[in-house]
């Protein structure tokens, strides 16, 4: 899985980058294969906004969270992404019900 991490209006430290990579690797437990992941961290006034964009087969998923501390914002965005990945996987597993034939 290719991961791109960007910071807007602040520099992403090495420790924060390692933490983000460790947390985003957990996403592959819920859907395989994840083609790439793009994480954007933005600091505006005193708030941190985390946006995660994940490309999977035929889907582009996006999750955002905004908090006053970066780690809880990242955790909230990852939780939202996990729910989306589970939903996409469940929809792909469900067999299609054939439409009834009209008389």
PDB file of N, CA and C in Angstrom:
ATOM      1  N   UNK A   1       0.846  -1.169   0.000  1.00  0.00           N
ATOM      2  CA  UNK A   1       0.000   0.000   0.000  1.00  0.00           C
ATOM      3  C   UNK A   1       0.897   1.239   0.000  1.00  0.00           C
ATOM      4  N   UNK A   2       0.631   2.124  -0.927  1.00  0.00           N
ATOM      5  CA  UNK A   2       1.380   3.367  -1.032  1.00  0.00           C
ATOM      6  C   UNK A   2       0.712   4.413  -0.139  1.00  0.00           C
ATOM      7  N   UNK A   3       1.489   5.093   0.698  1.00  0.00           N
ATOM      8  CA  UNK A   3       0.949   6.088   1.617  1.00  0.00           C
ATOM      9  C   UNK A   3       1.632   7.421   1.380  1.00  0.00           C
ATOM     10  N   UNK A   4       0.819   8.470   1.216  1.00  0.00           N
ATOM     11  CA  UNK A   4       1.334   9.825   1.045  1.00  0.00           C
ATOM     12  C   UNK A   4       0.818  10.667   2.207  1.00  0.00           C
ATOM     13  N   UNK A   5       1.722  11.335   2.907  1.00  0.00           N
ATOM     14  CA  UNK A   5       1.359  12.155   4.063  1.00  0.00           C
ATOM     15  C   UNK A   5       1.797  13.587   3.779  1.00  0.00           C
ATOM     16  N   UNK A   6       0.831  14.513   3.899  1.00  0.00           N
ATOM     17  CA  UNK A   6       1.127  15.921   3.641  1.00  0.00           C
ATOM     18  C   UNK A   6       0.626  16.770   4.798  1.00  0.00           C
ATOM     19  N   UNK A   7       1.333  17.837   5.076  1.00  0.00           N
ATOM     20  CA  UNK A   7       0.905  18.788   6.092  1.00  0.00           C
ATOM     21  C   UNK A   7       0.671  20.145   5.462  1.00  0.00           C
ATOM     22  N   UNK A   8      -0.432  20.778   5.816  1.00  0.00           N
ATOM     23  CA  UNK A   8      -0.724  22.132   5.345  1.00  0.00           C
ATOM     24  C   UNK A   8      -0.619  23.071   6.537  1.00  0.00           C
ATOM     25  N   UNK A   9       0.168  24.108   6.382  1.00  0.00           N
ATOM     26  CA  UNK A   9       0.339  25.144   7.398  1.00  0.00           C
ATOM     27  C   UNK A   9       1.103  24.660   8.621  1.00  0.00           C
ATOM     28  N   UNK A  10       1.725  23.499   8.566  1.00  0.00           N
ATOM     29  CA  UNK A  10       2.647  23.050   9.605  1.00  0.00           C
ATOM     30  C   UNK A  10       3.458  21.878   9.073  1.00  0.00           C
ATOM     31  N   UNK A  11       4.589  21.642   9.714  1.00  0.00           N
ATOM     32  CA  UNK A  11       5.501  20.579   9.297  1.00  0.00           C
ATOM     33  C   UNK A  11       5.159  19.287  10.040  1.00  0.00           C
ATOM     34  N   UNK A  12       5.037  18.190   9.315  1.00  0.00           N
ATOM     35  CA  UNK A  12       4.752  16.886   9.914  1.00  0.00           C
ATOM     36  C   UNK A  12       6.075  16.308  10.408  1.00  0.00           C
ATOM     37  N   UNK A  13       6.174  16.098  11.718  1.00  0.00           N
ATOM     38  CA  UNK A  13       7.421  15.594  12.298  1.00  0.00           C
ATOM     39  C   UNK A  13       7.631  14.123  11.930  1.00  0.00           C
ATOM     40  N   UNK A  14       8.859  13.668  12.125  1.00  0.00           N
ATOM     41  CA  UNK A  14       9.188  12.280  11.818  1.00  0.00           C
ATOM     42  C   UNK A  14       8.401  11.327  12.712  1.00  0.00           C
ATOM     43  N   UNK A  15       8.279  11.657  14.008  1.00  0.00           N
ATOM     44  CA  UNK A  15       7.531  10.802  14.939  1.00  0.00           C
ATOM     45  C   UNK A  15       6.056  10.730  14.562  1.00  0.00           C
ATOM     46  N   UNK A  16       5.482  11.870  14.185  1.00  0.00           N
ATOM     47  CA  UNK A  16       4.075  11.885  13.780  1.00  0.00           C
ATOM     48  C   UNK A  16       3.887  11.092  12.492  1.00  0.00           C
ATOM     49  N   UNK A  17       4.828  11.228  11.566  1.00  0.00           N
ATOM     50  CA  UNK A  17       4.762  10.480  10.299  1.00  0.00           C
ATOM     51  C   UNK A  17       4.809   8.971  10.562  1.00  0.00           C
ATOM     52  N   UNK A  18       5.682   8.529  11.464  1.00  0.00           N
ATOM     53  CA  UNK A  18       5.770   7.106  11.797  1.00  0.00           C
ATOM     54  C   UNK A  18       4.486   6.617  12.466  1.00  0.00           C
ATOM     55  N   UNK A  19       3.923   7.446  13.341  1.00  0.00           N
ATOM     56  CA  UNK A  19       2.672   7.089  14.009  1.00  0.00           C
ATOM     57  C   UNK A  19       1.536   6.947  12.986  1.00  0.00           C
ATOM     58  N   UNK A  20       1.466   7.871  12.044  1.00  0.00           N
ATOM     59  CA  UNK A  20       0.424   7.829  11.011  1.00  0.00           C
ATOM     60  C   UNK A  20       0.579   6.573  10.160  1.00  0.00           C
ATOM     61  N   UNK A  21       1.793   6.253   9.755  1.00  0.00           N
ATOM     62  CA  UNK A  21       2.022   5.056   8.938  1.00  0.00           C
ATOM     63  C   UNK A  21       1.621   3.793   9.688  1.00  0.00           C
ATOM     64  N   UNK A  22       1.948   3.737  10.979  1.00  0.00           N
ATOM     65  CA  UNK A  22       1.586   2.568  11.788  1.00  0.00           C
ATOM     66  C   UNK A  22       0.063   2.426  11.887  1.00  0.00           C
ATOM     67  N   UNK A  23      -0.626   3.535  12.097  1.00  0.00           N
ATOM     68  CA  UNK A  23      -2.081   3.499  12.236  1.00  0.00           C
ATOM     69  C   UNK A  23      -2.775   3.170  10.910  1.00  0.00           C
ATOM     70  N   UNK A  24      -2.279   3.707   9.805  1.00  0.00           N
ATOM     71  CA  UNK A  24      -2.932   3.453   8.521  1.00  0.00           C
ATOM     72  C   UNK A  24      -2.679   2.040   8.007  1.00  0.00           C
ATOM     73  N   UNK A  25      -1.619   1.387   8.463  1.00  0.00           N
ATOM     74  CA  UNK A  25      -1.394  -0.007   8.067  1.00  0.00           C
ATOM     75  C   UNK A  25      -2.500  -0.911   8.589  1.00  0.00           C
ATOM     76  N   UNK A  26      -3.142  -0.508   9.672  1.00  0.00           N
ATOM     77  CA  UNK A  26      -4.234  -1.296  10.237  1.00  0.00           C
ATOM     78  C   UNK A  26      -5.453  -1.328   9.313  1.00  0.00           C
ATOM     79  N   UNK A  27      -5.554  -0.354   8.402  1.00  0.00           N
ATOM     80  CA  UNK A  27      -6.699  -0.310   7.493  1.00  0.00           C
ATOM     81  C   UNK A  27      -6.743  -1.527   6.580  1.00  0.00           C
ATOM     82  N   UNK A  28      -5.585  -2.095   6.260  1.00  0.00           N
ATOM     83  CA  UNK A  28      -5.556  -3.237   5.343  1.00  0.00           C
ATOM     84  C   UNK A  28      -6.161  -4.493   5.963  1.00  0.00           C
ATOM     85  N   UNK A  29      -6.421  -4.490   7.271  1.00  0.00           N
ATOM     86  CA  UNK A  29      -7.114  -5.617   7.902  1.00  0.00           C
ATOM     87  C   UNK A  29      -8.567  -5.695   7.443  1.00  0.00           C
ATOM     88  N   UNK A  30      -9.121  -4.554   7.075  1.00  0.00           N
ATOM     89  CA  UNK A  30     -10.546  -4.479   6.791  1.00  0.00           C
ATOM     90  C   UNK A  30     -10.878  -4.570   5.308  1.00  0.00           C
ATOM     91  N   UNK A  31      -9.897  -4.358   4.430  1.00  0.00           N
ATOM     92  CA  UNK A  31     -10.149  -4.461   2.994  1.00  0.00           C
ATOM     93  C   UNK A  31      -8.820  -4.705   2.299  1.00  0.00           C
ATOM     94  N   UNK A  32      -8.807  -5.650   1.395  1.00  0.00           N
ATOM     95  CA  UNK A  32      -7.622  -5.936   0.591  1.00  0.00           C
ATOM     96  C   UNK A  32      -8.019  -5.937  -0.868  1.00  0.00           C
ATOM     97  N   UNK A  33      -7.295  -5.409  -1.768  1.00  0.00           N
ATOM     98  CA  UNK A  33      -6.111  -4.598  -1.586  1.00  0.00           C
ATOM     99  C   UNK A  33      -6.460  -3.108  -1.548  1.00  0.00           C
ATOM    100  N   UNK A  34      -5.790  -2.381  -0.698  1.00  0.00           N
ATOM    101  CA  UNK A  34      -5.874  -0.921  -0.702  1.00  0.00           C
ATOM    102  C   UNK A  34      -4.777  -0.447  -1.647  1.00  0.00           C
ATOM    103  N   UNK A  35      -5.168   0.274  -2.688  1.00  0.00           N
ATOM    104  CA  UNK A  35      -4.203   0.682  -3.706  1.00  0.00           C
ATOM    105  C   UNK A  35      -3.288   1.786  -3.199  1.00  0.00           C
ATOM    106  N   UNK A  36      -3.861   2.858  -2.673  1.00  0.00           N
ATOM    107  CA  UNK A  36      -3.042   3.896  -2.068  1.00  0.00           C
ATOM    108  C   UNK A  36      -3.859   4.700  -1.071  1.00  0.00           C
ATOM    109  N   UNK A  37      -3.137   5.384  -0.189  1.00  0.00           N
ATOM    110  CA  UNK A  37      -3.740   6.172   0.873  1.00  0.00           C
ATOM    111  C   UNK A  37      -3.087   7.543   0.879  1.00  0.00           C
ATOM    112  N   UNK A  38      -3.927   8.580   0.979  1.00  0.00           N
ATOM    113  CA  UNK A  38      -3.419   9.946   1.041  1.00  0.00           C
ATOM    114  C   UNK A  38      -3.952  10.601   2.312  1.00  0.00           C
ATOM    115  N   UNK A  39      -3.058  11.039   3.185  1.00  0.00           N
ATOM    116  CA  UNK A  39      -3.438  11.676   4.438  1.00  0.00           C
ATOM    117  C   UNK A  39      -2.978  13.125   4.391  1.00  0.00           C
ATOM    118  N   UNK A  40      -3.912  14.045   4.631  1.00  0.00           N
ATOM    119  CA  UNK A  40      -3.595  15.462   4.671  1.00  0.00           C
ATOM    120  C   UNK A  40      -3.928  15.987   6.054  1.00  0.00           C
ATOM    121  N   UNK A  41      -2.941  16.572   6.707  1.00  0.00           N
ATOM    122  CA  UNK A  41      -3.134  17.183   8.014  1.00  0.00           C
ATOM    123  C   UNK A  41      -3.072  18.693   7.823  1.00  0.00           C
ATOM    124  N   UNK A  42      -4.077  19.383   8.312  1.00  0.00           N
ATOM    125  CA  UNK A  42      -4.148  20.822   8.123  1.00  0.00           C
ATOM    126  C   UNK A  42      -4.359  21.492   9.473  1.00  0.00           C
ATOM    127  N   UNK A  43      -3.593  22.535   9.713  1.00  0.00           N
ATOM    128  CA  UNK A  43      -3.754  23.302  10.947  1.00  0.00           C
ATOM    129  C   UNK A  43      -4.330  24.653  10.580  1.00  0.00           C
ATOM    130  N   UNK A  44      -5.481  24.960  11.155  1.00  0.00           N
ATOM    131  CA  UNK A  44      -6.135  26.227  10.890  1.00  0.00           C
ATOM    132  C   UNK A  44      -6.582  26.804  12.222  1.00  0.00           C
ATOM    133  N   UNK A  45      -6.102  27.994  12.532  1.00  0.00           N
ATOM    134  CA  UNK A  45      -6.298  28.615  13.843  1.00  0.00           C
ATOM    135  C   UNK A  45      -5.755  27.669  14.905  1.00  0.00           C
ATOM    136  N   UNK A  46      -6.588  27.145  15.774  1.00  0.00           N
ATOM    137  CA  UNK A  46      -6.100  26.214  16.803  1.00  0.00           C
ATOM    138  C   UNK A  46      -6.654  24.809  16.613  1.00  0.00           C
ATOM    139  N   UNK A  47      -7.144  24.518  15.432  1.00  0.00           N
ATOM    140  CA  UNK A  47      -7.757  23.222  15.153  1.00  0.00           C
ATOM    141  C   UNK A  47      -6.916  22.459  14.134  1.00  0.00           C
ATOM    142  N   UNK A  48      -6.930  21.139  14.280  1.00  0.00           N
ATOM    143  CA  UNK A  48      -6.284  20.248  13.319  1.00  0.00           C
ATOM    144  C   UNK A  48      -7.369  19.504  12.563  1.00  0.00           C
ATOM    145  N   UNK A  49      -7.233  19.470  11.255  1.00  0.00           N
ATOM    146  CA  UNK A  49      -8.175  18.745  10.402  1.00  0.00           C
ATOM    147  C   UNK A  49      -7.395  17.646   9.693  1.00  0.00           C
ATOM    148  N   UNK A  50      -7.888  16.421   9.816  1.00  0.00           N
ATOM    149  CA  UNK A  50      -7.243  15.268   9.181  1.00  0.00           C
ATOM    150  C   UNK A  50      -8.187  14.740   8.114  1.00  0.00           C
ATOM    151  N   UNK A  51      -7.662  14.581   6.909  1.00  0.00           N
ATOM    152  CA  UNK A  51      -8.442  14.044   5.792  1.00  0.00           C
ATOM    153  C   UNK A  51      -7.711  12.812   5.272  1.00  0.00           C
ATOM    154  N   UNK A  52      -8.435  11.709   5.189  1.00  0.00           N
ATOM    155  CA  UNK A  52      -7.868  10.461   4.674  1.00  0.00           C
ATOM    156  C   UNK A  52      -8.628  10.084   3.411  1.00  0.00           C
ATOM    157  N   UNK A  53      -7.901   9.881   2.324  1.00  0.00           N
ATOM    158  CA  UNK A  53      -8.491   9.440   1.062  1.00  0.00           C
ATOM    159  C   UNK A  53      -7.863   8.093   0.721  1.00  0.00           C
ATOM    160  N   UNK A  54      -8.710   7.078   0.541  1.00  0.00           N
ATOM    161  CA  UNK A  54      -8.246   5.720   0.261  1.00  0.00           C
ATOM    162  C   UNK A  54      -8.798   5.282  -1.091  1.00  0.00           C
ATOM    163  N   UNK A  55      -7.920   4.761  -1.931  1.00  0.00           N
ATOM    164  CA  UNK A  55      -8.329   4.216  -3.225  1.00  0.00           C
ATOM    165  C   UNK A  55      -8.339   2.701  -3.115  1.00  0.00           C
ATOM    166  N   UNK A  56      -9.513   2.121  -3.326  1.00  0.00           N
ATOM    167  CA  UNK A  56      -9.652   0.673  -3.412  1.00  0.00           C
ATOM    168  C   UNK A  56     -10.281   0.373  -4.762  1.00  0.00           C
ATOM    169  N   UNK A  57     -10.410  -0.880  -5.091  1.00  0.00           N
ATOM    170  CA  UNK A  57     -10.935  -1.275  -6.395  1.00  0.00           C
ATOM    171  C   UNK A  57     -12.322  -0.667  -6.625  1.00  0.00           C
ATOM    172  N   UNK A  58     -12.453   0.179  -7.631  1.00  0.00           N
ATOM    173  CA  UNK A  58     -13.701   0.830  -8.042  1.00  0.00           C
ATOM    174  C   UNK A  58     -14.280   1.803  -7.027  1.00  0.00           C
ATOM    175  N   UNK A  59     -13.547   2.183  -6.002  1.00  0.00           N
ATOM    176  CA  UNK A  59     -14.070   3.102  -4.994  1.00  0.00           C
ATOM    177  C   UNK A  59     -12.978   4.065  -4.538  1.00  0.00           C
ATOM    178  N   UNK A  60     -13.395   5.289  -4.253  1.00  0.00           N
ATOM    179  CA  UNK A  60     -12.544   6.269  -3.594  1.00  0.00           C
ATOM    180  C   UNK A  60     -13.284   6.674  -2.332  1.00  0.00           C
ATOM    181  N   UNK A  61     -12.677   6.413  -1.181  1.00  0.00           N
ATOM    182  CA  UNK A  61     -13.313   6.681   0.105  1.00  0.00           C
ATOM    183  C   UNK A  61     -12.616   7.856   0.778  1.00  0.00           C
ATOM    184  N   UNK A  62     -13.404   8.691   1.468  1.00  0.00           N
ATOM    185  CA  UNK A  62     -12.854   9.880   2.109  1.00  0.00           C
ATOM    186  C   UNK A  62     -13.422  10.005   3.513  1.00  0.00           C
ATOM    187  N   UNK A  63     -12.548  10.258   4.482  1.00  0.00           N
ATOM    188  CA  UNK A  63     -12.972  10.457   5.868  1.00  0.00           C
ATOM    189  C   UNK A  63     -12.219  11.654   6.434  1.00  0.00           C
ATOM    190  N   UNK A  64     -12.926  12.510   7.174  1.00  0.00           N
ATOM    191  CA  UNK A  64     -12.300  13.672   7.787  1.00  0.00           C
ATOM    192  C   UNK A  64     -12.716  13.772   9.246  1.00  0.00           C
ATOM    193  N   UNK A  65     -11.864  14.402  10.020  1.00  0.00           N
ATOM    194  CA  UNK A  65     -12.185  14.711  11.413  1.00  0.00           C
ATOM    195  C   UNK A  65     -11.416  15.965  11.799  1.00  0.00           C
ATOM    196  N   UNK A  66     -11.990  16.726  12.711  1.00  0.00           N
ATOM    197  CA  UNK A  66     -11.388  17.983  13.132  1.00  0.00           C
ATOM    198  C   UNK A  66     -11.436  18.073  14.653  1.00  0.00           C
ATOM    199  N   UNK A  67     -10.277  18.304  15.256  1.00  0.00           N
ATOM    200  CA  UNK A  67     -10.179  18.415  16.715  1.00  0.00           C
ATOM    201  C   UNK A  67      -9.076  19.415  17.048  1.00  0.00           C
ATOM    202  N   UNK A  68      -8.947  19.722  18.337  1.00  0.00           N
ATOM    203  CA  UNK A  68      -7.920  20.677  18.747  1.00  0.00           C
ATOM    204  C   UNK A  68      -6.551  20.024  18.964  1.00  0.00           C
ATOM    205  N   UNK A  69      -6.489  18.694  18.950  1.00  0.00           N
ATOM    206  CA  UNK A  69      -5.229  17.949  19.059  1.00  0.00           C
ATOM    207  C   UNK A  69      -5.159  16.981  17.876  1.00  0.00           C
ATOM    208  N   UNK A  70      -3.969  16.814  17.310  1.00  0.00           N
ATOM    209  CA  UNK A  70      -3.839  16.057  16.066  1.00  0.00           C
ATOM    210  C   UNK A  70      -4.089  14.555  16.246  1.00  0.00           C
ATOM    211  N   UNK A  71      -3.645  13.942  17.338  1.00  0.00           N
ATOM    212  CA  UNK A  71      -3.805  12.494  17.504  1.00  0.00           C
ATOM    213  C   UNK A  71      -5.274  12.063  17.589  1.00  0.00           C
ATOM    214  N   UNK A  72      -6.119  12.727  18.388  1.00  0.00           N
ATOM    215  CA  UNK A  72      -7.541  12.346  18.378  1.00  0.00           C
ATOM    216  C   UNK A  72      -8.214  12.595  17.024  1.00  0.00           C
ATOM    217  N   UNK A  73      -7.791  13.638  16.313  1.00  0.00           N
ATOM    218  CA  UNK A  73      -8.352  13.896  14.986  1.00  0.00           C
ATOM    219  C   UNK A  73      -7.989  12.764  14.031  1.00  0.00           C
ATOM    220  N   UNK A  74      -6.760  12.291  14.110  1.00  0.00           N
ATOM    221  CA  UNK A  74      -6.331  11.166  13.278  1.00  0.00           C
ATOM    222  C   UNK A  74      -7.105   9.906  13.638  1.00  0.00           C
ATOM    223  N   UNK A  75      -7.265   9.654  14.935  1.00  0.00           N
ATOM    224  CA  UNK A  75      -8.016   8.481  15.380  1.00  0.00           C
ATOM    225  C   UNK A  75      -9.463   8.514  14.923  1.00  0.00           C
ATOM    226  N   UNK A  76     -10.092   9.682  14.989  1.00  0.00           N
ATOM    227  CA  UNK A  76     -11.476   9.806  14.534  1.00  0.00           C
ATOM    228  C   UNK A  76     -11.615   9.565  13.043  1.00  0.00           C
ATOM    229  N   UNK A  77     -10.680  10.102  12.262  1.00  0.00           N
ATOM    230  CA  UNK A  77     -10.728   9.901  10.810  1.00  0.00           C
ATOM    231  C   UNK A  77     -10.488   8.434  10.458  1.00  0.00           C
ATOM    232  N   UNK A  78      -9.588   7.775  11.167  1.00  0.00           N
ATOM    233  CA  UNK A  78      -9.323   6.356  10.901  1.00  0.00           C
ATOM    234  C   UNK A  78     -10.546   5.517  11.254  1.00  0.00           C
ATOM    235  N   UNK A  79     -11.211   5.829  12.370  1.00  0.00           N
ATOM    236  CA  UNK A  79     -12.430   5.098  12.738  1.00  0.00           C
ATOM    237  C   UNK A  79     -13.504   5.232  11.666  1.00  0.00           C
ATOM    238  N   UNK A  80     -13.665   6.439  11.127  1.00  0.00           N
ATOM    239  CA  UNK A  80     -14.650   6.654  10.062  1.00  0.00           C
ATOM    240  C   UNK A  80     -14.276   5.858   8.810  1.00  0.00           C
ATOM    241  N   UNK A  81     -12.976   5.814   8.498  1.00  0.00           N
ATOM    242  CA  UNK A  81     -12.526   5.078   7.320  1.00  0.00           C
ATOM    243  C   UNK A  81     -12.737   3.582   7.503  1.00  0.00           C
ATOM    244  N   UNK A  82     -12.513   3.070   8.707  1.00  0.00           N
ATOM    245  CA  UNK A  82     -12.730   1.644   8.976  1.00  0.00           C
ATOM    246  C   UNK A  82     -14.185   1.284   8.721  1.00  0.00           C
ATOM    247  N   UNK A  83     -15.113   2.125   9.177  1.00  0.00           N
ATOM    248  CA  UNK A  83     -16.542   1.859   8.942  1.00  0.00           C
ATOM    249  C   UNK A  83     -16.853   1.827   7.450  1.00  0.00           C
ATOM    250  N   UNK A  84     -16.271   2.747   6.692  1.00  0.00           N
ATOM    251  CA  UNK A  84     -16.518   2.774   5.249  1.00  0.00           C
ATOM    252  C   UNK A  84     -15.941   1.538   4.566  1.00  0.00           C
ATOM    253  N   UNK A  85     -14.738   1.139   4.954  1.00  0.00           N
ATOM    254  CA  UNK A  85     -14.124  -0.045   4.347  1.00  0.00           C
ATOM    255  C   UNK A  85     -14.935  -1.297   4.642  1.00  0.00           C
ATOM    256  N   UNK A  86     -15.433  -1.424   5.866  1.00  0.00           N
ATOM    257  CA  UNK A  86     -16.271  -2.574   6.217  1.00  0.00           C
ATOM    258  C   UNK A  86     -17.548  -2.585   5.386  1.00  0.00           C
ATOM    259  N   UNK A  87     -18.146  -1.408   5.188  1.00  0.00           N
ATOM    260  CA  UNK A  87     -19.382  -1.320   4.416  1.00  0.00           C
ATOM    261  C   UNK A  87     -19.147  -1.721   2.958  1.00  0.00           C
ATOM    262  N   UNK A  88     -18.053  -1.256   2.368  1.00  0.00           N
ATOM    263  CA  UNK A  88     -17.741  -1.603   0.977  1.00  0.00           C
ATOM    264  C   UNK A  88     -17.494  -3.102   0.848  1.00  0.00           C
ATOM    265  N   UNK A  89     -16.766  -3.669   1.790  1.00  0.00           N
ATOM    266  CA  UNK A  89     -16.482  -5.106   1.743  1.00  0.00           C
ATOM    267  C   UNK A  89     -17.763  -5.917   1.887  1.00  0.00           C
ATOM    268  N   UNK A  90     -18.641  -5.499   2.782  1.00  0.00           N
ATOM    269  CA  UNK A  90     -19.910  -6.208   2.981  1.00  0.00           C
ATOM    270  C   UNK A  90     -20.786  -6.138   1.733  1.00  0.00           C
ATOM    271  N   UNK A  91     -20.816  -4.995   1.083  1.00  0.00           N
ATOM    272  CA  UNK A  91     -21.619  -4.862  -0.138  1.00  0.00           C
ATOM    273  C   UNK A  91     -21.084  -5.753  -1.253  1.00  0.00           C
ATOM    274  N   UNK A  92     -19.779  -5.932  -1.311  1.00  0.00           N
ATOM    275  CA  UNK A  92     -19.207  -6.787  -2.344  1.00  0.00           C
ATOM    276  C   UNK A  92     -19.441  -8.258  -2.047  1.00  0.00           C
ATOM    277  N   UNK A  93     -19.582  -8.606  -0.788  1.00  0.00           N
ATOM    278  CA  UNK A  93     -19.819 -10.001  -0.413  1.00  0.00           C
ATOM    279  C   UNK A  93     -21.248 -10.440  -0.677  1.00  0.00           C
ATOM    280  N   UNK A  94     -22.200  -9.515  -0.507  1.00  0.00           N
ATOM    281  CA  UNK A  94     -23.609  -9.874  -0.657  1.00  0.00           C
ATOM    282  C   UNK A  94     -23.892 -10.357  -2.073  1.00  0.00           C
ATOM    283  N   UNK A  95     -24.552 -11.481  -2.183  1.00  0.00           N
ATOM    284  CA  UNK A  95     -24.912 -11.939  -3.527  1.00  0.00           C
ATOM    285  C   UNK A  95     -26.037 -11.070  -4.089  1.00  0.00           C
ATOM    286  N   UNK A  96     -26.002 -10.880  -5.356  1.00  0.00           N
ATOM    287  CA  UNK A  96     -27.058 -10.106  -6.002  1.00  0.00           C
ATOM    288  C   UNK A  96     -28.311 -10.952  -6.106  1.00  0.00           C
ATOM    289  N   UNK A  97     -29.403 -10.335  -5.754  1.00  0.00           N
ATOM    290  CA  UNK A  97     -30.688 -11.023  -5.840  1.00  0.00           C
ATOM    291  C   UNK A  97     -31.238 -10.774  -7.238  1.00  0.00           C
ATOM    292  N   UNK A  98     -31.554 -11.831  -7.960  1.00  0.00           N
ATOM    293  CA  UNK A  98     -32.084 -11.623  -9.311  1.00  0.00           C
ATOM    294  C   UNK A  98     -33.452 -10.945  -9.254  1.00  0.00           C
ATOM    295  N   UNK A  99     -33.703 -10.103 -10.218  1.00  0.00           N
ATOM    296  CA  UNK A  99     -34.997  -9.427 -10.266  1.00  0.00           C
ATOM    297  C   UNK A  99     -36.062 -10.407 -10.743  1.00  0.00           C
ATOM    298  N   UNK A 100     -37.253 -10.310 -10.173  1.00  0.00           N
ATOM    299  CA  UNK A 100     -38.307 -11.241 -10.584  1.00  0.00           C
ATOM    300  C   UNK A 100     -38.740 -10.987 -12.030  1.00  0.00           C
ATOM    301  N   UNK A 101     -39.148 -12.054 -12.680  1.00  0.00           N
ATOM    302  CA  UNK A 101     -39.590 -11.979 -14.067  1.00  0.00           C
ATOM    303  C   UNK A 101     -41.055 -11.566 -14.085  1.00  0.00           C
ATOM    304  N   UNK A 102     -41.367 -10.605 -14.934  1.00  0.00           N
ATOM    305  CA  UNK A 102     -42.760 -10.166 -15.054  1.00  0.00           C
ATOM    306  C   UNK A 102     -43.552 -11.146 -15.903  1.00  0.00           C
ATOM    307  N   UNK A 103     -44.805 -11.272 -15.563  1.00  0.00           N
ATOM    308  CA  UNK A 103     -45.689 -12.146 -16.353  1.00  0.00           C
ATOM    309  C   UNK A 103     -46.243 -11.440 -17.555  1.00  0.00           C
TER     310      UNK A 103
END
